[in-house]
Amino acid sequence: MKRRNFHVILGFVIILLCGCGGTKNAEKISLRTQQIETLKNVVDAKSYTIEVNTAYPMQTYAVTRVTNALLQNTGNSASRINVNGNFIEVKNDSIKGVLSYFGEVRTVNSYNPRDGGINFEGVPTTYEVIENKKKQTLNIEFDIKNKIEPYNVIIQLYPDKSATVIVNSPYRTSIRYDGTLKPSEVEENL
């Protein structure tokens, strides 16, 4: 009899605990869904900025050695560099990007030696937003050109408003950045 009561109580406790866990998962899924909807609204409004704070260059061994020597005692390394003032800004159909660049330039086409960064401003030739429901992210991809070179930019936005940016160019090695999505002030007040 005691054994039977024990099994009944144990079964009740297990059901109770499983029920509570399901509630937390449902709340988590609901929160993620709300966050994704907020991301979609911000991106659809085409009025936001991605503030970039870290660069992850993809470099060869030779460049890594030189970069490590230059960055010695700064808290940075050749594979992870903190950057300030870097951003990608989207306003309506126009996109402006100011990004520091660390890597190899393959072709020199009258580059300004004082400005070796990635800078672009204007209307992109392509712009596409794709929702990845499995990963719960929004992916933005666009092609844009400055006076000298074309860029393919891929932005992955996460529900917590963090962002990963990859910039590809036929004239440079690719580079990845991490940052944060900031809706424009008008969008925040809505």
N, C-alpha and C. Protein backbone atom coordinates (compact mmCIF):
# COMPACT_ATOMS: atom_id res chain seq x y z
N MET A 1 0.82 -1.19 0.00
CA MET A 1 0.00 0.00 0.00
C MET A 1 0.87 1.26 0.00
N LYS A 2 1.92 1.24 0.86
CA LYS A 2 2.81 2.40 0.92
C LYS A 2 3.51 2.61 -0.42
N ARG A 3 3.91 1.49 -1.02
CA ARG A 3 4.60 1.57 -2.30
C ARG A 3 3.68 2.17 -3.36
N ARG A 4 2.43 1.80 -3.35
CA ARG A 4 1.47 2.31 -4.33
C ARG A 4 1.25 3.81 -4.14
N ASN A 5 1.10 4.25 -2.89
CA ASN A 5 0.94 5.68 -2.60
C ASN A 5 2.17 6.47 -3.05
N PHE A 6 3.34 5.87 -2.82
CA PHE A 6 4.59 6.52 -3.23
C PHE A 6 4.61 6.74 -4.74
N HIS A 7 4.20 5.71 -5.51
CA HIS A 7 4.18 5.82 -6.97
C HIS A 7 3.17 6.86 -7.44
N VAL A 8 2.03 6.95 -6.79
CA VAL A 8 1.01 7.93 -7.16
C VAL A 8 1.53 9.34 -6.91
N ILE A 9 2.14 9.54 -5.74
CA ILE A 9 2.68 10.86 -5.39
C ILE A 9 3.84 11.22 -6.34
N LEU A 10 4.70 10.25 -6.61
CA LEU A 10 5.83 10.49 -7.52
C LEU A 10 5.32 10.86 -8.92
N GLY A 11 4.32 10.16 -9.40
CA GLY A 11 3.73 10.47 -10.70
C GLY A 11 3.14 11.87 -10.73
N PHE A 12 2.46 12.26 -9.67
CA PHE A 12 1.87 13.59 -9.57
C PHE A 12 2.96 14.68 -9.61
N VAL A 13 4.04 14.46 -8.86
CA VAL A 13 5.15 15.43 -8.82
C VAL A 13 5.80 15.56 -10.20
N ILE A 14 5.99 14.44 -10.89
CA ILE A 14 6.60 14.48 -12.22
C ILE A 14 5.72 15.26 -13.19
N ILE A 15 4.42 15.00 -13.16
CA ILE A 15 3.48 15.72 -14.03
C ILE A 15 3.51 17.21 -13.72
N LEU A 16 3.55 17.55 -12.44
CA LEU A 16 3.58 18.95 -12.03
C LEU A 16 4.85 19.64 -12.53
N LEU A 17 6.00 18.98 -12.37
CA LEU A 17 7.26 19.56 -12.81
C LEU A 17 7.33 19.70 -14.33
N CYS A 18 6.85 18.72 -15.05
CA CYS A 18 6.84 18.79 -16.52
C CYS A 18 5.93 19.91 -16.99
N GLY A 19 4.82 20.10 -16.32
CA GLY A 19 3.89 21.16 -16.68
C GLY A 19 4.50 22.53 -16.50
N CYS A 20 5.27 22.72 -15.44
CA CYS A 20 5.92 24.01 -15.19
C CYS A 20 7.00 24.29 -16.24
N GLY A 21 7.75 23.27 -16.63
CA GLY A 21 8.78 23.44 -17.64
C GLY A 21 8.19 23.85 -18.97
N GLY A 22 7.06 23.30 -19.32
CA GLY A 22 6.38 23.65 -20.57
C GLY A 22 5.94 25.09 -20.58
N THR A 23 5.53 25.61 -19.42
CA THR A 23 5.10 27.00 -19.33
C THR A 23 6.28 27.93 -19.60
N LYS A 24 7.44 27.60 -19.03
CA LYS A 24 8.62 28.43 -19.26
C LYS A 24 9.01 28.42 -20.72
N ASN A 25 8.96 27.23 -21.36
CA ASN A 25 9.29 27.15 -22.78
C ASN A 25 8.31 27.95 -23.62
N ALA A 26 7.04 27.87 -23.29
CA ALA A 26 6.02 28.63 -24.03
C ALA A 26 6.25 30.12 -23.89
N GLU A 27 6.61 30.56 -22.67
CA GLU A 27 6.90 31.98 -22.45
C GLU A 27 8.13 32.41 -23.25
N LYS A 28 9.15 31.54 -23.27
CA LYS A 28 10.38 31.84 -24.00
C LYS A 28 10.11 31.95 -25.50
N ILE A 29 9.31 31.02 -26.03
CA ILE A 29 8.97 31.04 -27.45
C ILE A 29 8.15 32.29 -27.78
N SER A 30 7.22 32.64 -26.89
CA SER A 30 6.40 33.83 -27.10
C SER A 30 7.27 35.09 -27.11
N LEU A 31 8.23 35.17 -26.18
CA LEU A 31 9.13 36.32 -26.12
C LEU A 31 9.97 36.40 -27.39
N ARG A 32 10.52 35.27 -27.86
CA ARG A 32 11.32 35.25 -29.08
C ARG A 32 10.49 35.71 -30.27
N THR A 33 9.23 35.24 -30.33
CA THR A 33 8.34 35.63 -31.42
C THR A 33 8.11 37.14 -31.41
N GLN A 34 7.90 37.71 -30.23
CA GLN A 34 7.71 39.16 -30.11
C GLN A 34 8.97 39.90 -30.55
N GLN A 35 10.13 39.39 -30.13
CA GLN A 35 11.38 40.04 -30.49
C GLN A 35 11.61 40.00 -32.01
N ILE A 36 11.30 38.87 -32.64
CA ILE A 36 11.44 38.76 -34.09
C ILE A 36 10.49 39.72 -34.79
N GLU A 37 9.26 39.84 -34.30
CA GLU A 37 8.30 40.78 -34.89
C GLU A 37 8.79 42.22 -34.76
N THR A 38 9.38 42.55 -33.61
CA THR A 38 9.96 43.89 -33.42
C THR A 38 11.08 44.12 -34.43
N LEU A 39 11.95 43.12 -34.60
CA LEU A 39 13.03 43.23 -35.59
C LEU A 39 12.47 43.47 -36.98
N LYS A 40 11.46 42.69 -37.36
CA LYS A 40 10.85 42.85 -38.68
C LYS A 40 10.31 44.26 -38.87
N ASN A 41 9.64 44.79 -37.85
CA ASN A 41 9.07 46.14 -37.95
C ASN A 41 10.16 47.18 -38.14
N VAL A 42 11.25 47.05 -37.40
CA VAL A 42 12.36 48.01 -37.51
C VAL A 42 12.98 47.92 -38.91
N VAL A 43 13.24 46.70 -39.37
CA VAL A 43 13.87 46.52 -40.69
C VAL A 43 12.93 46.97 -41.81
N ASP A 44 11.64 46.65 -41.69
CA ASP A 44 10.67 47.07 -42.71
C ASP A 44 10.54 48.58 -42.80
N ALA A 45 10.72 49.27 -41.67
CA ALA A 45 10.64 50.74 -41.67
C ALA A 45 11.84 51.38 -42.36
N LYS A 46 12.91 50.60 -42.57
CA LYS A 46 14.14 51.08 -43.21
C LYS A 46 14.64 52.37 -42.56
N SER A 47 14.73 52.33 -41.24
CA SER A 47 15.21 53.48 -40.48
C SER A 47 15.91 52.98 -39.23
N TYR A 48 17.17 52.53 -39.41
CA TYR A 48 17.91 51.96 -38.30
C TYR A 48 19.41 52.09 -38.53
N THR A 49 20.16 51.87 -37.46
CA THR A 49 21.62 51.91 -37.52
C THR A 49 22.16 50.66 -36.85
N ILE A 50 23.20 50.11 -37.41
CA ILE A 50 23.93 49.03 -36.74
C ILE A 50 25.23 49.64 -36.26
N GLU A 51 25.36 49.73 -34.95
CA GLU A 51 26.58 50.27 -34.35
C GLU A 51 27.57 49.12 -34.18
N VAL A 52 28.66 49.19 -34.91
CA VAL A 52 29.66 48.12 -34.92
C VAL A 52 30.68 48.38 -33.81
N ASN A 53 30.99 47.33 -33.03
CA ASN A 53 31.95 47.51 -31.94
C ASN A 53 33.16 46.58 -32.02
N THR A 54 33.10 45.53 -32.84
CA THR A 54 34.21 44.59 -32.92
C THR A 54 34.41 44.15 -34.37
N ALA A 55 35.68 44.08 -34.79
CA ALA A 55 36.03 43.60 -36.12
C ALA A 55 36.79 42.29 -35.99
N TYR A 56 36.48 41.35 -36.88
CA TYR A 56 37.15 40.05 -36.91
C TYR A 56 37.75 39.85 -38.30
N PRO A 57 38.98 40.33 -38.51
CA PRO A 57 39.60 40.20 -39.84
C PRO A 57 39.90 38.74 -40.18
N MET A 58 39.83 38.42 -41.46
CA MET A 58 40.23 37.10 -41.95
C MET A 58 41.55 37.31 -42.68
N GLN A 59 42.65 36.95 -42.01
CA GLN A 59 43.96 37.33 -42.51
C GLN A 59 44.86 36.13 -42.72
N THR A 60 45.90 36.36 -43.52
CA THR A 60 46.92 35.35 -43.73
C THR A 60 47.91 35.40 -42.56
N TYR A 61 48.77 34.42 -42.50
CA TYR A 61 49.76 34.33 -41.42
C TYR A 61 50.66 35.57 -41.38
N ALA A 62 51.12 36.02 -42.53
CA ALA A 62 52.03 37.17 -42.58
C ALA A 62 51.36 38.43 -42.03
N VAL A 63 50.13 38.68 -42.45
CA VAL A 63 49.42 39.87 -41.97
C VAL A 63 49.11 39.74 -40.48
N THR A 64 48.80 38.53 -40.03
CA THR A 64 48.53 38.31 -38.60
C THR A 64 49.74 38.67 -37.76
N ARG A 65 50.93 38.28 -38.21
CA ARG A 65 52.15 38.61 -37.46
C ARG A 65 52.35 40.12 -37.37
N VAL A 66 52.17 40.81 -38.48
CA VAL A 66 52.35 42.26 -38.49
C VAL A 66 51.30 42.93 -37.61
N THR A 67 50.05 42.52 -37.74
CA THR A 67 48.96 43.11 -36.97
C THR A 67 49.16 42.88 -35.48
N ASN A 68 49.55 41.68 -35.09
CA ASN A 68 49.80 41.42 -33.67
C ASN A 68 50.90 42.32 -33.13
N ALA A 69 51.93 42.56 -33.93
CA ALA A 69 53.01 43.45 -33.49
C ALA A 69 52.50 44.88 -33.33
N LEU A 70 51.66 45.33 -34.25
CA LEU A 70 51.12 46.70 -34.17
C LEU A 70 50.14 46.87 -33.02
N LEU A 71 49.40 45.82 -32.70
CA LEU A 71 48.36 45.92 -31.67
C LEU A 71 48.84 45.49 -30.28
N GLN A 72 50.12 45.22 -30.17
CA GLN A 72 50.66 44.79 -28.89
C GLN A 72 50.34 45.82 -27.80
N ASN A 73 49.92 45.35 -26.64
CA ASN A 73 49.58 46.16 -25.46
C ASN A 73 48.33 47.04 -25.65
N THR A 74 47.47 46.69 -26.59
CA THR A 74 46.23 47.46 -26.75
C THR A 74 45.01 46.68 -26.29
N GLY A 75 45.19 45.40 -25.97
CA GLY A 75 44.06 44.56 -25.59
C GLY A 75 43.39 43.92 -26.78
N ASN A 76 43.90 44.19 -27.97
CA ASN A 76 43.36 43.61 -29.20
C ASN A 76 44.33 42.57 -29.73
N SER A 77 43.86 41.77 -30.67
CA SER A 77 44.73 40.83 -31.36
C SER A 77 44.41 40.91 -32.85
N ALA A 78 45.17 40.20 -33.66
CA ALA A 78 44.95 40.25 -35.11
C ALA A 78 43.61 39.66 -35.49
N SER A 79 43.04 38.81 -34.64
CA SER A 79 41.78 38.17 -35.00
C SER A 79 40.56 38.82 -34.34
N ARG A 80 40.77 39.78 -33.41
CA ARG A 80 39.65 40.46 -32.75
C ARG A 80 40.09 41.87 -32.37
N ILE A 81 39.45 42.87 -32.99
CA ILE A 81 39.85 44.26 -32.78
C ILE A 81 38.63 45.08 -32.39
N ASN A 82 38.72 45.78 -31.26
CA ASN A 82 37.63 46.67 -30.85
C ASN A 82 37.68 47.93 -31.69
N VAL A 83 36.53 48.36 -32.18
CA VAL A 83 36.45 49.56 -33.02
C VAL A 83 35.38 50.49 -32.46
N ASN A 84 35.57 51.78 -32.64
CA ASN A 84 34.60 52.78 -32.20
C ASN A 84 34.19 53.63 -33.39
N GLY A 85 32.94 54.08 -33.39
CA GLY A 85 32.47 54.99 -34.42
C GLY A 85 32.16 54.32 -35.75
N ASN A 86 32.17 53.01 -35.81
CA ASN A 86 31.84 52.29 -37.04
C ASN A 86 30.35 52.01 -37.07
N PHE A 87 29.74 52.12 -38.25
CA PHE A 87 28.29 51.92 -38.32
C PHE A 87 27.84 51.62 -39.74
N ILE A 88 26.64 51.08 -39.83
CA ILE A 88 25.90 50.98 -41.09
C ILE A 88 24.54 51.58 -40.78
N GLU A 89 24.17 52.59 -41.56
CA GLU A 89 22.91 53.31 -41.32
C GLU A 89 21.99 53.14 -42.52
N VAL A 90 20.75 52.75 -42.25
CA VAL A 90 19.75 52.59 -43.30
C VAL A 90 18.68 53.64 -43.09
N LYS A 91 18.46 54.46 -44.10
CA LYS A 91 17.39 55.48 -44.07
C LYS A 91 16.67 55.41 -45.40
N ASN A 92 15.44 54.96 -45.35
CA ASN A 92 14.63 54.77 -46.55
C ASN A 92 15.36 53.86 -47.53
N ASP A 93 15.68 54.35 -48.71
CA ASP A 93 16.35 53.51 -49.70
C ASP A 93 17.87 53.70 -49.72
N SER A 94 18.39 54.57 -48.87
CA SER A 94 19.81 54.88 -48.85
C SER A 94 20.51 54.16 -47.70
N ILE A 95 21.73 53.71 -47.96
CA ILE A 95 22.54 53.04 -46.94
C ILE A 95 23.90 53.71 -46.89
N LYS A 96 24.35 54.00 -45.66
CA LYS A 96 25.68 54.58 -45.46
C LYS A 96 26.45 53.66 -44.53
N GLY A 97 27.69 53.38 -44.89
CA GLY A 97 28.54 52.53 -44.06
C GLY A 97 29.90 53.15 -43.86
N VAL A 98 30.36 53.16 -42.62
CA VAL A 98 31.71 53.61 -42.27
C VAL A 98 32.29 52.52 -41.38
N LEU A 99 33.21 51.73 -41.93
CA LEU A 99 33.76 50.58 -41.22
C LEU A 99 35.28 50.56 -41.34
N SER A 100 35.95 50.35 -40.23
CA SER A 100 37.40 50.19 -40.25
C SER A 100 37.72 48.89 -40.96
N TYR A 101 38.85 48.86 -41.66
CA TYR A 101 39.23 47.64 -42.37
C TYR A 101 40.61 47.20 -41.94
N PHE A 102 40.73 45.92 -41.62
CA PHE A 102 41.99 45.30 -41.25
C PHE A 102 42.12 44.04 -42.09
N GLY A 103 43.03 44.04 -43.02
CA GLY A 103 43.19 42.87 -43.88
C GLY A 103 44.01 43.21 -45.10
N GLU A 104 43.95 42.33 -46.07
CA GLU A 104 44.75 42.49 -47.28
C GLU A 104 43.93 43.12 -48.40
N VAL A 105 44.52 44.11 -49.04
CA VAL A 105 43.93 44.70 -50.23
C VAL A 105 44.60 44.03 -51.42
N ARG A 106 43.81 43.43 -52.30
CA ARG A 106 44.36 42.66 -53.42
C ARG A 106 44.71 43.54 -54.62
N THR A 107 43.91 44.55 -54.87
CA THR A 107 44.12 45.43 -56.02
C THR A 107 44.03 46.86 -55.55
N VAL A 108 45.01 47.66 -55.91
CA VAL A 108 44.99 49.05 -55.52
C VAL A 108 44.50 49.87 -56.70
N ASN A 109 43.37 50.53 -56.51
CA ASN A 109 42.80 51.39 -57.55
C ASN A 109 42.69 52.81 -57.00
N SER A 110 43.77 53.51 -56.96
CA SER A 110 43.83 54.89 -56.46
C SER A 110 43.17 55.04 -55.09
N TYR A 111 43.55 54.15 -54.16
CA TYR A 111 43.07 54.26 -52.79
C TYR A 111 43.65 55.49 -52.12
N ASN A 112 42.90 56.11 -51.27
CA ASN A 112 43.39 57.20 -50.45
C ASN A 112 44.18 56.57 -49.30
N PRO A 113 45.47 56.81 -49.19
CA PRO A 113 46.26 56.15 -48.15
C PRO A 113 45.82 56.52 -46.73
N ARG A 114 45.13 57.63 -46.58
CA ARG A 114 44.65 58.03 -45.25
C ARG A 114 43.31 57.38 -44.91
N ASP A 115 42.67 56.79 -45.89
CA ASP A 115 41.37 56.20 -45.65
C ASP A 115 41.32 54.82 -46.29
N GLY A 116 41.79 53.82 -45.58
CA GLY A 116 41.78 52.45 -46.10
C GLY A 116 40.58 51.67 -45.63
N GLY A 117 39.61 52.35 -45.03
CA GLY A 117 38.43 51.66 -44.51
C GLY A 117 37.43 51.33 -45.60
N ILE A 118 36.34 50.75 -45.16
CA ILE A 118 35.23 50.43 -46.06
C ILE A 118 34.18 51.52 -45.88
N ASN A 119 34.00 52.33 -46.91
CA ASN A 119 33.05 53.45 -46.86
C ASN A 119 32.16 53.40 -48.08
N PHE A 120 30.87 53.51 -47.84
CA PHE A 120 29.92 53.55 -48.95
C PHE A 120 28.71 54.37 -48.54
N GLU A 121 28.07 54.96 -49.53
CA GLU A 121 26.86 55.73 -49.28
C GLU A 121 26.07 55.80 -50.58
N GLY A 122 24.80 55.51 -50.48
CA GLY A 122 23.94 55.57 -51.66
C GLY A 122 22.86 54.52 -51.64
N VAL A 123 22.26 54.33 -52.79
CA VAL A 123 21.19 53.35 -52.94
C VAL A 123 21.82 52.03 -53.39
N PRO A 124 21.56 50.94 -52.68
CA PRO A 124 22.15 49.65 -53.09
C PRO A 124 21.54 49.15 -54.40
N THR A 125 22.32 48.37 -55.15
CA THR A 125 21.80 47.80 -56.39
C THR A 125 20.84 46.65 -56.11
N THR A 126 21.07 45.93 -55.02
CA THR A 126 20.14 44.88 -54.57
C THR A 126 19.96 45.02 -53.07
N TYR A 127 18.79 44.63 -52.57
CA TYR A 127 18.50 44.68 -51.13
C TYR A 127 17.45 43.61 -50.85
N GLU A 128 17.78 42.66 -49.99
CA GLU A 128 16.86 41.56 -49.72
C GLU A 128 16.85 41.23 -48.22
N VAL A 129 15.66 41.03 -47.68
CA VAL A 129 15.49 40.63 -46.27
C VAL A 129 14.85 39.25 -46.26
N ILE A 130 15.49 38.32 -45.56
CA ILE A 130 14.99 36.94 -45.47
C ILE A 130 14.91 36.55 -44.01
N GLU A 131 13.76 36.01 -43.61
CA GLU A 131 13.61 35.52 -42.24
C GLU A 131 14.01 34.05 -42.21
N ASN A 132 14.91 33.70 -41.29
CA ASN A 132 15.30 32.32 -41.08
C ASN A 132 14.56 31.83 -39.83
N LYS A 133 13.44 31.16 -40.04
CA LYS A 133 12.59 30.74 -38.92
C LYS A 133 13.28 29.69 -38.06
N LYS A 134 14.09 28.84 -38.66
CA LYS A 134 14.78 27.79 -37.90
C LYS A 134 15.78 28.40 -36.91
N LYS A 135 16.58 29.36 -37.39
CA LYS A 135 17.57 30.00 -36.52
C LYS A 135 17.01 31.21 -35.78
N GLN A 136 15.79 31.60 -36.12
CA GLN A 136 15.13 32.78 -35.54
C GLN A 136 15.98 34.03 -35.72
N THR A 137 16.34 34.29 -36.97
CA THR A 137 17.12 35.47 -37.31
C THR A 137 16.53 36.13 -38.54
N LEU A 138 16.91 37.38 -38.74
CA LEU A 138 16.61 38.08 -39.99
C LEU A 138 17.93 38.30 -40.71
N ASN A 139 17.97 37.96 -41.98
CA ASN A 139 19.17 38.14 -42.78
C ASN A 139 18.90 39.22 -43.82
N ILE A 140 19.78 40.20 -43.86
CA ILE A 140 19.69 41.29 -44.83
C ILE A 140 20.93 41.18 -45.71
N GLU A 141 20.72 41.19 -47.01
CA GLU A 141 21.86 41.16 -47.93
C GLU A 141 21.66 42.23 -48.98
N PHE A 142 22.73 43.00 -49.21
CA PHE A 142 22.66 44.03 -50.25
C PHE A 142 24.01 44.20 -50.92
N ASP A 143 23.96 44.70 -52.14
CA ASP A 143 25.16 45.04 -52.91
C ASP A 143 25.17 46.54 -53.08
N ILE A 144 26.32 47.14 -52.82
CA ILE A 144 26.46 48.59 -52.93
C ILE A 144 27.86 48.90 -53.43
N LYS A 145 28.02 50.04 -54.07
CA LYS A 145 29.30 50.39 -54.66
C LYS A 145 29.68 51.81 -54.26
N ASN A 146 30.97 52.02 -53.95
CA ASN A 146 31.45 53.39 -53.80
C ASN A 146 32.16 53.76 -55.10
N LYS A 147 32.95 54.82 -55.10
CA LYS A 147 33.59 55.27 -56.34
C LYS A 147 34.62 54.27 -56.87
N ILE A 148 35.15 53.43 -55.98
CA ILE A 148 36.26 52.56 -56.36
C ILE A 148 35.89 51.09 -56.45
N GLU A 149 35.11 50.59 -55.50
CA GLU A 149 34.87 49.15 -55.47
C GLU A 149 33.46 48.77 -55.03
N PRO A 150 33.00 47.59 -55.46
CA PRO A 150 31.69 47.10 -55.04
C PRO A 150 31.82 46.28 -53.75
N TYR A 151 30.75 46.26 -52.98
CA TYR A 151 30.70 45.48 -51.74
C TYR A 151 29.44 44.63 -51.72
N ASN A 152 29.57 43.43 -51.19
CA ASN A 152 28.42 42.59 -50.87
C ASN A 152 28.38 42.53 -49.35
N VAL A 153 27.27 42.99 -48.78
CA VAL A 153 27.14 43.08 -47.32
C VAL A 153 26.04 42.14 -46.87
N ILE A 154 26.37 41.30 -45.89
CA ILE A 154 25.41 40.36 -45.32
C ILE A 154 25.28 40.69 -43.83
N ILE A 155 24.06 40.96 -43.40
CA ILE A 155 23.80 41.30 -42.00
C ILE A 155 22.87 40.25 -41.43
N GLN A 156 23.25 39.69 -40.29
CA GLN A 156 22.38 38.74 -39.60
C GLN A 156 21.96 39.38 -38.28
N LEU A 157 20.64 39.55 -38.11
CA LEU A 157 20.09 40.17 -36.90
C LEU A 157 19.46 39.11 -36.02
N TYR A 158 19.74 39.20 -34.72
CA TYR A 158 19.23 38.25 -33.74
C TYR A 158 18.14 38.90 -32.89
N PRO A 159 17.29 38.10 -32.25
CA PRO A 159 16.18 38.66 -31.46
C PRO A 159 16.62 39.65 -30.38
N ASP A 160 17.81 39.49 -29.82
CA ASP A 160 18.28 40.41 -28.77
C ASP A 160 18.89 41.69 -29.36
N LYS A 161 18.69 41.92 -30.66
CA LYS A 161 19.16 43.08 -31.41
C LYS A 161 20.67 43.10 -31.63
N SER A 162 21.34 41.98 -31.38
CA SER A 162 22.75 41.91 -31.75
C SER A 162 22.83 41.62 -33.25
N ALA A 163 23.95 41.98 -33.85
CA ALA A 163 24.09 41.85 -35.30
C ALA A 163 25.48 41.36 -35.67
N THR A 164 25.53 40.56 -36.71
CA THR A 164 26.78 40.14 -37.32
C THR A 164 26.78 40.65 -38.75
N VAL A 165 27.86 41.29 -39.14
CA VAL A 165 27.97 41.88 -40.48
C VAL A 165 29.19 41.27 -41.17
N ILE A 166 29.00 40.79 -42.39
CA ILE A 166 30.12 40.29 -43.20
C ILE A 166 30.19 41.14 -44.46
N VAL A 167 31.38 41.66 -44.75
CA VAL A 167 31.57 42.49 -45.94
C VAL A 167 32.55 41.76 -46.87
N ASN A 168 32.10 41.57 -48.10
CA ASN A 168 32.92 40.93 -49.13
C ASN A 168 33.18 41.94 -50.25
N SER A 169 34.38 41.86 -50.80
CA SER A 169 34.76 42.71 -51.93
C SER A 169 35.71 41.92 -52.81
N PRO A 170 35.66 42.13 -54.11
CA PRO A 170 36.61 41.41 -54.97
C PRO A 170 38.05 41.90 -54.80
N TYR A 171 38.23 43.06 -54.15
CA TYR A 171 39.56 43.65 -54.02
C TYR A 171 40.18 43.50 -52.64
N ARG A 172 39.47 42.90 -51.69
CA ARG A 172 39.97 42.77 -50.32
C ARG A 172 39.58 41.40 -49.77
N THR A 173 40.29 40.99 -48.71
CA THR A 173 39.83 39.80 -48.00
C THR A 173 38.58 40.17 -47.22
N SER A 174 37.72 39.20 -47.00
CA SER A 174 36.46 39.44 -46.28
C SER A 174 36.75 39.80 -44.83
N ILE A 175 35.78 40.46 -44.21
CA ILE A 175 35.91 40.83 -42.80
C ILE A 175 34.53 40.72 -42.16
N ARG A 176 34.53 40.33 -40.89
CA ARG A 176 33.27 40.19 -40.14
C ARG A 176 33.27 41.18 -38.99
N TYR A 177 32.11 41.72 -38.69
CA TYR A 177 31.94 42.67 -37.59
C TYR A 177 30.79 42.21 -36.69
N ASP A 178 30.85 42.57 -35.43
CA ASP A 178 29.73 42.39 -34.50
C ASP A 178 29.27 43.75 -34.05
N GLY A 179 27.98 43.88 -33.82
CA GLY A 179 27.43 45.16 -33.38
C GLY A 179 26.04 45.00 -32.81
N THR A 180 25.35 46.13 -32.71
CA THR A 180 24.02 46.18 -32.13
C THR A 180 23.09 46.99 -33.03
N LEU A 181 21.88 46.50 -33.20
CA LEU A 181 20.86 47.19 -33.97
C LEU A 181 20.23 48.28 -33.11
N LYS A 182 20.20 49.50 -33.65
CA LYS A 182 19.57 50.63 -32.96
C LYS A 182 18.52 51.23 -33.89
N PRO A 183 17.23 51.13 -33.52
CA PRO A 183 16.21 51.79 -34.34
C PRO A 183 16.43 53.30 -34.30
N SER A 184 16.01 53.99 -35.35
CA SER A 184 16.14 55.45 -35.33
C SER A 184 15.22 56.00 -34.25
N GLU A 185 15.47 57.23 -33.82
CA GLU A 185 14.74 57.83 -32.71
C GLU A 185 13.24 57.90 -32.98
N VAL A 186 12.85 58.19 -34.20
CA VAL A 186 11.42 58.26 -34.55
C VAL A 186 10.79 56.89 -34.35
N GLU A 187 11.50 55.83 -34.76
CA GLU A 187 11.00 54.47 -34.66
C GLU A 187 10.86 54.04 -33.20
N GLU A 188 11.79 54.47 -32.33
CA GLU A 188 11.74 54.10 -30.92
C GLU A 188 10.52 54.69 -30.23
N ASN A 189 10.07 55.87 -30.67
CA ASN A 189 8.95 56.53 -30.02
C ASN A 189 7.60 55.94 -30.41
N LEU A 190 7.55 55.12 -31.44
CA LEU A 190 6.27 54.53 -31.88
C LEU A 190 5.81 53.45 -30.94
